[in-house]
């Protein structure tokens, strides 16, 4: 898949949770390539969230699991806030 195809396919990002407790993991188009997805975390109001690495380990594992479920068919690397979670 080309970089442009990856951007087109994942430009909507990934939503986790509902309402004010929800999170959006949006594509970082500058860093995304044809073989790696780079996603950045935002809250329900689209304000930047603290880096995933600064949150509790149990929470990090939950978020990684939810994102990877959504990306189960993706064959490349996945980065959340710069942290490699699949690769």
N, C-alpha and C. Protein backbone atom coordinates (compact mmCIF):
# COMPACT_ATOMS: atom_id res chain seq x y z
N UNK A 1 0.85 -1.17 0.00
CA UNK A 1 0.00 0.00 0.00
C UNK A 1 0.90 1.24 0.00
N UNK A 2 0.54 2.22 -0.81
CA UNK A 2 1.33 3.45 -0.86
C UNK A 2 0.98 4.35 0.33
N UNK A 3 1.81 5.32 0.58
CA UNK A 3 1.57 6.27 1.67
C UNK A 3 0.22 6.96 1.49
N UNK A 4 -0.07 7.39 0.26
CA UNK A 4 -1.34 8.07 0.00
C UNK A 4 -2.54 7.15 0.25
N UNK A 5 -2.42 5.89 -0.10
CA UNK A 5 -3.50 4.93 0.16
C UNK A 5 -3.71 4.72 1.65
N UNK A 6 -2.60 4.66 2.40
CA UNK A 6 -2.69 4.50 3.86
C UNK A 6 -3.38 5.71 4.47
N UNK A 7 -2.99 6.89 4.05
CA UNK A 7 -3.59 8.12 4.58
C UNK A 7 -5.09 8.15 4.26
N UNK A 8 -5.44 7.81 3.05
CA UNK A 8 -6.86 7.82 2.65
C UNK A 8 -7.66 6.81 3.48
N UNK A 9 -7.10 5.62 3.68
CA UNK A 9 -7.82 4.57 4.40
C UNK A 9 -8.01 4.88 5.88
N UNK A 10 -6.99 5.48 6.52
CA UNK A 10 -7.02 5.69 7.98
C UNK A 10 -7.17 7.16 8.39
N UNK A 11 -7.53 8.04 7.45
CA UNK A 11 -7.59 9.47 7.77
C UNK A 11 -8.63 9.80 8.84
N UNK A 12 -9.62 8.95 9.03
CA UNK A 12 -10.63 9.20 10.05
C UNK A 12 -10.19 8.83 11.45
N UNK A 13 -9.05 8.14 11.56
CA UNK A 13 -8.55 7.76 12.87
C UNK A 13 -9.36 6.65 13.51
N UNK A 14 -9.17 6.50 14.82
CA UNK A 14 -9.82 5.44 15.60
C UNK A 14 -10.45 6.07 16.82
N UNK A 15 -11.71 5.75 17.06
CA UNK A 15 -12.42 6.25 18.25
C UNK A 15 -12.49 5.14 19.29
N UNK A 16 -12.18 5.48 20.52
CA UNK A 16 -12.25 4.54 21.63
C UNK A 16 -13.11 5.17 22.72
N UNK A 17 -14.10 4.43 23.20
CA UNK A 17 -14.99 4.94 24.25
C UNK A 17 -16.06 5.84 23.69
N UNK A 18 -16.91 6.33 24.60
CA UNK A 18 -18.05 7.17 24.22
C UNK A 18 -18.07 8.46 25.03
N UNK A 19 -18.73 9.44 24.46
CA UNK A 19 -18.98 10.68 25.18
C UNK A 19 -17.72 11.38 25.64
N UNK A 20 -17.82 12.02 26.81
CA UNK A 20 -16.69 12.80 27.31
C UNK A 20 -15.51 11.94 27.73
N UNK A 21 -15.73 10.65 27.92
CA UNK A 21 -14.63 9.74 28.28
C UNK A 21 -13.96 9.16 27.05
N UNK A 22 -14.46 9.50 25.87
CA UNK A 22 -13.91 8.96 24.63
C UNK A 22 -12.56 9.54 24.26
N UNK A 23 -11.87 8.81 23.41
CA UNK A 23 -10.58 9.25 22.88
C UNK A 23 -10.60 9.09 21.38
N UNK A 24 -9.84 9.92 20.72
CA UNK A 24 -9.64 9.83 19.28
C UNK A 24 -8.16 9.63 19.03
N UNK A 25 -7.85 8.64 18.22
CA UNK A 25 -6.46 8.40 17.81
C UNK A 25 -6.40 8.75 16.33
N UNK A 26 -5.83 9.93 16.05
CA UNK A 26 -5.84 10.48 14.71
C UNK A 26 -4.49 10.31 14.04
N UNK A 27 -4.54 10.16 12.74
CA UNK A 27 -3.37 9.92 11.92
C UNK A 27 -2.43 11.12 11.92
N UNK A 28 -1.16 10.85 12.15
CA UNK A 28 -0.11 11.85 12.01
C UNK A 28 0.42 11.69 10.59
N UNK A 29 -0.13 12.48 9.67
CA UNK A 29 0.19 12.31 8.25
C UNK A 29 1.65 12.57 7.93
N UNK A 30 2.31 13.44 8.69
CA UNK A 30 3.72 13.74 8.42
C UNK A 30 4.62 12.53 8.63
N UNK A 31 4.31 11.71 9.62
CA UNK A 31 5.17 10.57 9.95
C UNK A 31 4.71 9.26 9.35
N UNK A 32 3.44 9.17 8.95
CA UNK A 32 2.90 7.93 8.41
C UNK A 32 3.53 7.62 7.05
N UNK A 33 3.83 6.34 6.84
CA UNK A 33 4.39 5.87 5.57
C UNK A 33 3.51 4.75 5.04
N UNK A 34 3.93 4.13 3.97
CA UNK A 34 3.19 3.01 3.41
C UNK A 34 3.23 1.77 4.28
N UNK A 35 4.17 1.73 5.22
CA UNK A 35 4.30 0.54 6.08
C UNK A 35 4.24 0.85 7.57
N UNK A 36 3.95 2.09 7.94
CA UNK A 36 3.84 2.41 9.36
C UNK A 36 2.77 3.49 9.59
N UNK A 37 1.91 3.20 10.58
CA UNK A 37 0.88 4.15 10.98
C UNK A 37 1.33 4.87 12.24
N UNK A 38 1.22 6.17 12.23
CA UNK A 38 1.55 6.97 13.40
C UNK A 38 0.27 7.67 13.83
N UNK A 39 -0.18 7.39 15.05
CA UNK A 39 -1.42 7.95 15.57
C UNK A 39 -1.14 8.78 16.81
N UNK A 40 -1.87 9.87 16.96
CA UNK A 40 -1.74 10.76 18.12
C UNK A 40 -3.05 10.80 18.87
N UNK A 41 -2.98 10.81 20.21
CA UNK A 41 -4.17 10.76 21.05
C UNK A 41 -4.76 12.13 21.35
N UNK A 42 -6.10 12.20 21.23
CA UNK A 42 -6.86 13.40 21.54
C UNK A 42 -8.06 13.02 22.38
N UNK A 43 -8.53 13.95 23.21
CA UNK A 43 -9.73 13.67 24.00
C UNK A 43 -10.96 13.94 23.15
N UNK A 44 -12.13 13.80 23.75
CA UNK A 44 -13.39 13.95 23.02
C UNK A 44 -13.57 15.35 22.43
N UNK A 45 -12.88 16.35 22.98
CA UNK A 45 -12.96 17.71 22.47
C UNK A 45 -11.83 18.04 21.50
N UNK A 46 -11.08 16.99 21.15
CA UNK A 46 -9.93 17.09 20.24
C UNK A 46 -8.79 17.95 20.79
N UNK A 47 -8.63 17.91 22.10
CA UNK A 47 -7.44 18.48 22.73
C UNK A 47 -6.42 17.36 22.86
N UNK A 48 -5.15 17.68 22.68
CA UNK A 48 -4.10 16.67 22.80
C UNK A 48 -4.14 16.02 24.17
N UNK A 49 -4.00 14.69 24.19
CA UNK A 49 -3.94 13.94 25.44
C UNK A 49 -2.47 13.86 25.86
N UNK A 50 -2.20 13.60 27.15
CA UNK A 50 -0.82 13.35 27.56
C UNK A 50 -0.29 12.13 26.80
N UNK A 51 1.00 12.10 26.55
CA UNK A 51 1.58 10.95 25.85
C UNK A 51 1.15 9.65 26.51
N UNK A 52 0.90 8.66 25.70
CA UNK A 52 0.46 7.37 26.20
C UNK A 52 1.46 6.80 27.21
N UNK A 53 2.74 7.01 26.98
CA UNK A 53 3.77 6.46 27.87
C UNK A 53 3.72 7.05 29.28
N UNK A 54 3.02 8.17 29.47
CA UNK A 54 2.92 8.81 30.79
C UNK A 54 1.69 8.36 31.58
N UNK A 55 0.87 7.56 30.95
CA UNK A 55 -0.36 7.08 31.61
C UNK A 55 -0.10 5.74 32.28
N UNK A 56 -0.96 5.32 33.21
CA UNK A 56 -0.74 4.05 33.92
C UNK A 56 -0.62 2.87 32.96
N UNK A 57 0.22 1.91 33.32
CA UNK A 57 0.51 0.76 32.47
C UNK A 57 -0.75 0.00 32.08
N UNK A 58 -1.66 -0.21 33.03
CA UNK A 58 -2.90 -0.94 32.73
C UNK A 58 -3.71 -0.19 31.68
N UNK A 59 -3.75 1.13 31.76
CA UNK A 59 -4.47 1.93 30.79
C UNK A 59 -3.80 1.86 29.42
N UNK A 60 -2.47 1.91 29.40
CA UNK A 60 -1.72 1.80 28.15
C UNK A 60 -2.07 0.49 27.44
N UNK A 61 -2.08 -0.59 28.20
CA UNK A 61 -2.39 -1.91 27.62
C UNK A 61 -3.81 -1.94 27.06
N UNK A 62 -4.76 -1.32 27.76
CA UNK A 62 -6.14 -1.25 27.28
C UNK A 62 -6.21 -0.52 25.94
N UNK A 63 -5.59 0.63 25.86
CA UNK A 63 -5.62 1.44 24.64
C UNK A 63 -4.93 0.69 23.50
N UNK A 64 -3.77 0.11 23.76
CA UNK A 64 -3.08 -0.65 22.72
C UNK A 64 -3.96 -1.77 22.20
N UNK A 65 -4.59 -2.50 23.10
CA UNK A 65 -5.46 -3.60 22.71
C UNK A 65 -6.62 -3.14 21.83
N UNK A 66 -7.26 -2.04 22.22
CA UNK A 66 -8.39 -1.53 21.44
C UNK A 66 -7.95 -1.07 20.05
N UNK A 67 -6.84 -0.37 19.98
CA UNK A 67 -6.33 0.10 18.68
C UNK A 67 -5.95 -1.09 17.80
N UNK A 68 -5.26 -2.05 18.38
CA UNK A 68 -4.83 -3.21 17.59
C UNK A 68 -6.01 -4.07 17.13
N UNK A 69 -7.08 -4.12 17.90
CA UNK A 69 -8.29 -4.82 17.44
C UNK A 69 -8.82 -4.16 16.17
N UNK A 70 -8.85 -2.85 16.17
CA UNK A 70 -9.33 -2.10 15.02
C UNK A 70 -8.41 -2.31 13.81
N UNK A 71 -7.12 -2.45 14.07
CA UNK A 71 -6.12 -2.57 13.00
C UNK A 71 -5.67 -4.01 12.77
N UNK A 72 -6.52 -4.97 13.07
CA UNK A 72 -6.11 -6.38 12.99
C UNK A 72 -5.64 -6.79 11.60
N UNK A 73 -6.12 -6.15 10.55
CA UNK A 73 -5.71 -6.48 9.18
C UNK A 73 -4.48 -5.70 8.71
N UNK A 74 -4.04 -4.75 9.48
CA UNK A 74 -2.88 -3.92 9.12
C UNK A 74 -1.61 -4.74 9.32
N UNK A 75 -0.76 -4.80 8.31
CA UNK A 75 0.46 -5.63 8.35
C UNK A 75 1.71 -4.85 8.77
N UNK A 76 1.64 -3.55 8.81
CA UNK A 76 2.82 -2.75 9.12
C UNK A 76 2.96 -2.41 10.60
N UNK A 77 3.84 -1.46 10.87
CA UNK A 77 4.09 -1.00 12.24
C UNK A 77 3.00 -0.02 12.66
N UNK A 78 2.78 0.04 13.98
CA UNK A 78 1.81 0.99 14.54
C UNK A 78 2.49 1.72 15.69
N UNK A 79 2.41 3.03 15.66
CA UNK A 79 2.95 3.88 16.71
C UNK A 79 1.82 4.70 17.32
N UNK A 80 1.75 4.70 18.64
CA UNK A 80 0.81 5.55 19.37
C UNK A 80 1.62 6.59 20.15
N UNK A 81 1.44 7.83 19.86
CA UNK A 81 2.22 8.91 20.48
C UNK A 81 3.72 8.63 20.39
N UNK A 82 4.15 8.09 19.27
CA UNK A 82 5.57 7.81 19.05
C UNK A 82 6.07 6.51 19.62
N UNK A 83 5.24 5.80 20.34
CA UNK A 83 5.60 4.53 20.99
C UNK A 83 5.20 3.37 20.08
N UNK A 84 6.16 2.51 19.70
CA UNK A 84 5.88 1.36 18.86
C UNK A 84 5.04 0.36 19.63
N UNK A 85 3.86 0.01 19.09
CA UNK A 85 2.98 -0.94 19.75
C UNK A 85 2.76 -2.20 18.91
N UNK A 86 3.14 -2.14 17.64
CA UNK A 86 3.06 -3.31 16.77
C UNK A 86 4.14 -3.15 15.73
N UNK A 87 4.89 -4.20 15.53
CA UNK A 87 5.90 -4.06 14.51
C UNK A 87 6.78 -5.20 14.36
